[in-house]
Amino acid sequence: MARDDEAYIHYEECNTSLNEAWQIIERLESSNDRLLSWAAYHMALIAYARPFKESYGANKRRHRMKFPPGLSESDKKLHQELIRLRDQFLAHSDLLPKDAKVYVGEVSGQPLPLIVSNTDPQLPKPEVVRQLIERLLDYQYSQLSWYQQQFKR
């Protein structure tokens, strides 16, 4: 079997992103700066989602980490929610979830448009996301021996 360097690189990139997300969440516990904590948590959730989004390699080859078998249904639901948050709110600003409407009033004879919309979605508790990341990393590290076999001669 020919070794697949690109698959190994993607595997390690997934581990790096998940570890980055874990480290950010871990450090949030000691932060007193609400604005920086808010921004850091958003970045942690984006880093979490990165392995599960398509990554293009040579010759437009696509890589994406699959959600591992054996994790609970609640883990899978949380994962799906995190991916949705990344796609619609954190990394993009989809208008559909906002369900915004414009109402036009008048002040001193001038039109005054007012936008009414849903608030930003509530994010999962960092502790719950950190625990999911730990389970995903446990799975990832259990796959390391398969990749190491690729480099034996």
C-alpha atoms as a PDB file:
ATOM      1  CA  MET A   1       0.000   0.000   0.000  1.00  0.00           C
ATOM      2  CA  ALA A   2       1.392   3.412  -0.950  1.00  0.00           C
ATOM      3  CA  ARG A   3       1.707   5.842   1.881  1.00  0.00           C
ATOM      4  CA  ASP A   4      -0.564   8.842   1.805  1.00  0.00           C
ATOM      5  CA  ASP A   5       1.376  11.895   2.977  1.00  0.00           C
ATOM      6  CA  GLU A   6      -1.516  14.253   2.292  1.00  0.00           C
ATOM      7  CA  ALA A   7      -3.904  12.234   4.472  1.00  0.00           C
ATOM      8  CA  TYR A   8      -1.339  12.310   7.288  1.00  0.00           C
ATOM      9  CA  ILE A   9      -0.871  16.067   6.916  1.00  0.00           C
ATOM     10  CA  HIS A  10      -4.643  16.542   7.106  1.00  0.00           C
ATOM     11  CA  TYR A  11      -4.834  14.260  10.162  1.00  0.00           C
ATOM     12  CA  GLU A  12      -2.218  16.387  11.937  1.00  0.00           C
ATOM     13  CA  GLU A  13      -3.931  19.631  10.875  1.00  0.00           C
ATOM     14  CA  CYS A  14      -7.174  18.327  12.416  1.00  0.00           C
ATOM     15  CA  ASN A  15      -5.353  17.572  15.660  1.00  0.00           C
ATOM     16  CA  THR A  16      -3.777  21.034  15.635  1.00  0.00           C
ATOM     17  CA  SER A  17      -7.149  22.762  15.182  1.00  0.00           C
ATOM     18  CA  LEU A  18      -8.848  20.717  17.887  1.00  0.00           C
ATOM     19  CA  ASN A  19      -5.963  21.334  20.294  1.00  0.00           C
ATOM     20  CA  GLU A  20      -6.065  25.048  19.495  1.00  0.00           C
ATOM     21  CA  ALA A  21      -9.790  25.139  20.305  1.00  0.00           C
ATOM     22  CA  TRP A  22      -9.191  23.194  23.536  1.00  0.00           C
ATOM     23  CA  GLN A  23      -6.385  25.524  24.642  1.00  0.00           C
ATOM     24  CA  ILE A  24      -8.449  28.656  24.019  1.00  0.00           C
ATOM     25  CA  ILE A  25     -11.394  27.295  25.995  1.00  0.00           C
ATOM     26  CA  GLU A  26      -9.105  26.161  28.804  1.00  0.00           C
ATOM     27  CA  ARG A  27      -7.612  29.650  29.125  1.00  0.00           C
ATOM     28  CA  LEU A  28     -11.016  31.351  29.103  1.00  0.00           C
ATOM     29  CA  GLU A  29     -11.596  30.103  32.635  1.00  0.00           C
ATOM     30  CA  SER A  30      -8.915  32.461  33.981  1.00  0.00           C
ATOM     31  CA  SER A  31      -9.821  35.499  31.882  1.00  0.00           C
ATOM     32  CA  ASN A  32     -11.562  38.504  33.372  1.00  0.00           C
ATOM     33  CA  ASP A  33     -11.863  40.414  30.104  1.00  0.00           C
ATOM     34  CA  ARG A  34     -15.376  39.782  28.794  1.00  0.00           C
ATOM     35  CA  LEU A  35     -14.759  41.188  25.311  1.00  0.00           C
ATOM     36  CA  LEU A  36     -11.566  39.217  24.743  1.00  0.00           C
ATOM     37  CA  SER A  37     -13.217  36.092  26.158  1.00  0.00           C
ATOM     38  CA  TRP A  38     -16.149  36.557  23.765  1.00  0.00           C
ATOM     39  CA  ALA A  39     -13.801  36.917  20.782  1.00  0.00           C
ATOM     40  CA  ALA A  40     -11.595  34.036  21.885  1.00  0.00           C
ATOM     41  CA  TYR A  41     -14.563  31.707  22.361  1.00  0.00           C
ATOM     42  CA  HIS A  42     -15.833  32.531  18.886  1.00  0.00           C
ATOM     43  CA  MET A  43     -12.364  31.713  17.522  1.00  0.00           C
ATOM     44  CA  ALA A  44     -12.282  28.460  19.488  1.00  0.00           C
ATOM     45  CA  LEU A  45     -15.592  27.379  17.939  1.00  0.00           C
ATOM     46  CA  ILE A  46     -14.327  28.222  14.452  1.00  0.00           C
ATOM     47  CA  ALA A  47     -11.132  26.236  15.129  1.00  0.00           C
ATOM     48  CA  TYR A  48     -13.294  23.340  16.364  1.00  0.00           C
ATOM     49  CA  ALA A  49     -15.247  23.290  13.104  1.00  0.00           C
ATOM     50  CA  ARG A  50     -12.219  23.597  10.804  1.00  0.00           C
ATOM     51  CA  PRO A  51     -11.408  19.835  10.621  1.00  0.00           C
ATOM     52  CA  PHE A  52     -15.001  19.049   9.640  1.00  0.00           C
ATOM     53  CA  LYS A  53     -15.057  21.422   6.673  1.00  0.00           C
ATOM     54  CA  GLU A  54     -13.583  20.485   3.296  1.00  0.00           C
ATOM     55  CA  SER A  55      -9.871  21.018   2.881  1.00  0.00           C
ATOM     56  CA  TYR A  56      -8.441  20.882  -0.630  1.00  0.00           C
ATOM     57  CA  GLY A  57      -5.163  19.203  -1.357  1.00  0.00           C
ATOM     58  CA  ALA A  58      -3.234  18.378  -4.503  1.00  0.00           C
ATOM     59  CA  ASN A  59      -5.281  17.897  -7.660  1.00  0.00           C
ATOM     60  CA  LYS A  60      -8.359  19.274  -5.860  1.00  0.00           C
ATOM     61  CA  ARG A  61      -8.383  16.220  -3.607  1.00  0.00           C
ATOM     62  CA  ARG A  62     -10.766  16.790  -0.707  1.00  0.00           C
ATOM     63  CA  HIS A  63     -10.206  15.969   2.930  1.00  0.00           C
ATOM     64  CA  ARG A  64     -12.623  16.242   5.828  1.00  0.00           C
ATOM     65  CA  MET A  65     -12.634  14.699   9.271  1.00  0.00           C
ATOM     66  CA  LYS A  66     -15.643  12.477   9.803  1.00  0.00           C
ATOM     67  CA  PHE A  67     -17.458  12.571  13.116  1.00  0.00           C
ATOM     68  CA  PRO A  68     -16.195   9.451  14.886  1.00  0.00           C
ATOM     69  CA  PRO A  69     -18.353   6.409  15.486  1.00  0.00           C
ATOM     70  CA  GLY A  70     -19.065   5.499  19.072  1.00  0.00           C
ATOM     71  CA  LEU A  71     -19.692   8.984  20.447  1.00  0.00           C
ATOM     72  CA  SER A  72     -23.082   9.673  22.010  1.00  0.00           C
ATOM     73  CA  GLU A  73     -26.137  11.084  20.295  1.00  0.00           C
ATOM     74  CA  SER A  74     -25.868  14.203  22.470  1.00  0.00           C
ATOM     75  CA  ASP A  75     -22.247  14.642  21.294  1.00  0.00           C
ATOM     76  CA  LYS A  76     -23.426  14.379  17.698  1.00  0.00           C
ATOM     77  CA  LYS A  77     -26.189  16.955  18.282  1.00  0.00           C
ATOM     78  CA  LEU A  78     -23.730  19.346  19.915  1.00  0.00           C
ATOM     79  CA  HIS A  79     -21.318  18.824  17.013  1.00  0.00           C
ATOM     80  CA  GLN A  80     -24.050  19.572  14.469  1.00  0.00           C
ATOM     81  CA  GLU A  81     -25.023  22.707  16.395  1.00  0.00           C
ATOM     82  CA  LEU A  82     -21.410  23.895  16.459  1.00  0.00           C
ATOM     83  CA  ILE A  83     -21.070  23.376  12.705  1.00  0.00           C
ATOM     84  CA  ARG A  84     -24.348  25.257  12.118  1.00  0.00           C
ATOM     85  CA  LEU A  85     -23.172  28.115  14.341  1.00  0.00           C
ATOM     86  CA  ARG A  86     -19.898  28.269  12.433  1.00  0.00           C
ATOM     87  CA  ASP A  87     -21.618  28.260   9.060  1.00  0.00           C
ATOM     88  CA  GLN A  88     -24.411  30.722   9.797  1.00  0.00           C
ATOM     89  CA  PHE A  89     -23.141  32.975  12.561  1.00  0.00           C
ATOM     90  CA  LEU A  90     -19.467  32.755  13.531  1.00  0.00           C
ATOM     91  CA  ALA A  91     -17.672  32.635  10.175  1.00  0.00           C
ATOM     92  CA  HIS A  92     -20.523  34.013   8.084  1.00  0.00           C
ATOM     93  CA  SER A  93     -23.419  36.331   8.697  1.00  0.00           C
ATOM     94  CA  ASP A  94     -26.412  34.603   7.181  1.00  0.00           C
ATOM     95  CA  LEU A  95     -29.504  36.757   7.252  1.00  0.00           C
ATOM     96  CA  LEU A  96     -32.018  33.912   7.388  1.00  0.00           C
ATOM     97  CA  PRO A  97     -31.533  33.063  11.104  1.00  0.00           C
ATOM     98  CA  LYS A  98     -31.855  36.746  11.977  1.00  0.00           C
ATOM     99  CA  ASP A  99     -35.366  36.848  10.461  1.00  0.00           C
ATOM    100  CA  ALA A 100     -34.954  40.622  10.201  1.00  0.00           C
ATOM    101  CA  LYS A 101     -37.729  43.026   9.187  1.00  0.00           C
ATOM    102  CA  VAL A 102     -37.495  46.710   8.322  1.00  0.00           C
ATOM    103  CA  TYR A 103     -40.138  49.087   9.649  1.00  0.00           C
ATOM    104  CA  VAL A 104     -40.135  52.663   8.409  1.00  0.00           C
ATOM    105  CA  GLY A 105     -41.273  55.458  10.636  1.00  0.00           C
ATOM    106  CA  GLU A 106     -40.856  59.156  10.330  1.00  0.00           C
ATOM    107  CA  VAL A 107     -39.043  61.741  12.424  1.00  0.00           C
ATOM    108  CA  SER A 108     -39.310  65.430  11.527  1.00  0.00           C
ATOM    109  CA  GLY A 109     -40.623  64.547   8.099  1.00  0.00           C
ATOM    110  CA  GLN A 110     -37.645  62.251   7.350  1.00  0.00           C
ATOM    111  CA  PRO A 111     -37.963  58.490   6.950  1.00  0.00           C
ATOM    112  CA  LEU A 112     -36.434  56.514   9.815  1.00  0.00           C
ATOM    113  CA  PRO A 113     -35.901  52.821   9.021  1.00  0.00           C
ATOM    114  CA  LEU A 114     -35.793  50.490  12.018  1.00  0.00           C
ATOM    115  CA  ILE A 115     -34.483  46.914  11.786  1.00  0.00           C
ATOM    116  CA  VAL A 116     -35.999  44.356  14.134  1.00  0.00           C
ATOM    117  CA  SER A 117     -34.359  40.933  14.235  1.00  0.00           C
ATOM    118  CA  ASN A 118     -33.628  37.892  16.354  1.00  0.00           C
ATOM    119  CA  THR A 119     -30.762  38.230  18.791  1.00  0.00           C
ATOM    120  CA  ASP A 120     -27.511  36.370  18.271  1.00  0.00           C
ATOM    121  CA  PRO A 121     -27.828  32.668  19.048  1.00  0.00           C
ATOM    122  CA  GLN A 122     -26.870  31.415  22.473  1.00  0.00           C
ATOM    123  CA  LEU A 123     -23.579  29.550  22.401  1.00  0.00           C
ATOM    124  CA  PRO A 124     -23.040  26.255  24.216  1.00  0.00           C
ATOM    125  CA  LYS A 125     -21.204  26.381  27.527  1.00  0.00           C
ATOM    126  CA  PRO A 126     -17.430  26.276  26.995  1.00  0.00           C
ATOM    127  CA  GLU A 127     -17.039  23.369  29.447  1.00  0.00           C
ATOM    128  CA  VAL A 128     -19.378  21.173  27.375  1.00  0.00           C
ATOM    129  CA  VAL A 129     -17.511  21.995  24.158  1.00  0.00           C
ATOM    130  CA  ARG A 130     -14.147  21.343  25.837  1.00  0.00           C
ATOM    131  CA  GLN A 131     -15.328  17.891  26.931  1.00  0.00           C
ATOM    132  CA  LEU A 132     -16.479  17.080  23.381  1.00  0.00           C
ATOM    133  CA  ILE A 133     -13.100  18.179  22.023  1.00  0.00           C
ATOM    134  CA  GLU A 134     -11.369  15.883  24.533  1.00  0.00           C
ATOM    135  CA  ARG A 135     -13.407  12.907  23.320  1.00  0.00           C
ATOM    136  CA  LEU A 136     -12.627  13.782  19.697  1.00  0.00           C
ATOM    137  CA  LEU A 137      -8.910  14.073  20.450  1.00  0.00           C
ATOM    138  CA  ASP A 138      -8.988  10.707  22.244  1.00  0.00           C
ATOM    139  CA  TYR A 139     -10.438   9.213  19.065  1.00  0.00           C
ATOM    140  CA  GLN A 140      -7.928  11.011  16.859  1.00  0.00           C
ATOM    141  CA  TYR A 141      -4.959   9.830  18.920  1.00  0.00           C
ATOM    142  CA  SER A 142      -6.301   6.271  18.803  1.00  0.00           C
ATOM    143  CA  GLN A 143      -5.860   6.473  15.007  1.00  0.00           C
ATOM    144  CA  LEU A 144      -2.191   7.502  15.200  1.00  0.00           C
ATOM    145  CA  SER A 145      -0.818   3.955  14.977  1.00  0.00           C
ATOM    146  CA  TRP A 146      -2.532   3.500  11.593  1.00  0.00           C
ATOM    147  CA  TYR A 147      -0.749   6.587  10.264  1.00  0.00           C
ATOM    148  CA  GLN A 148       2.559   5.512  11.800  1.00  0.00           C
ATOM    149  CA  GLN A 149       2.294   2.182   9.938  1.00  0.00           C
ATOM    150  CA  GLN A 150       2.275   4.175   6.693  1.00  0.00           C
ATOM    151  CA  PHE A 151       5.851   5.314   7.348  1.00  0.00           C
ATOM    152  CA  LYS A 152       7.358   1.919   8.174  1.00  0.00           C
ATOM    153  CA  ARG A 153       9.453   0.376   5.457  1.00  0.00           C
END
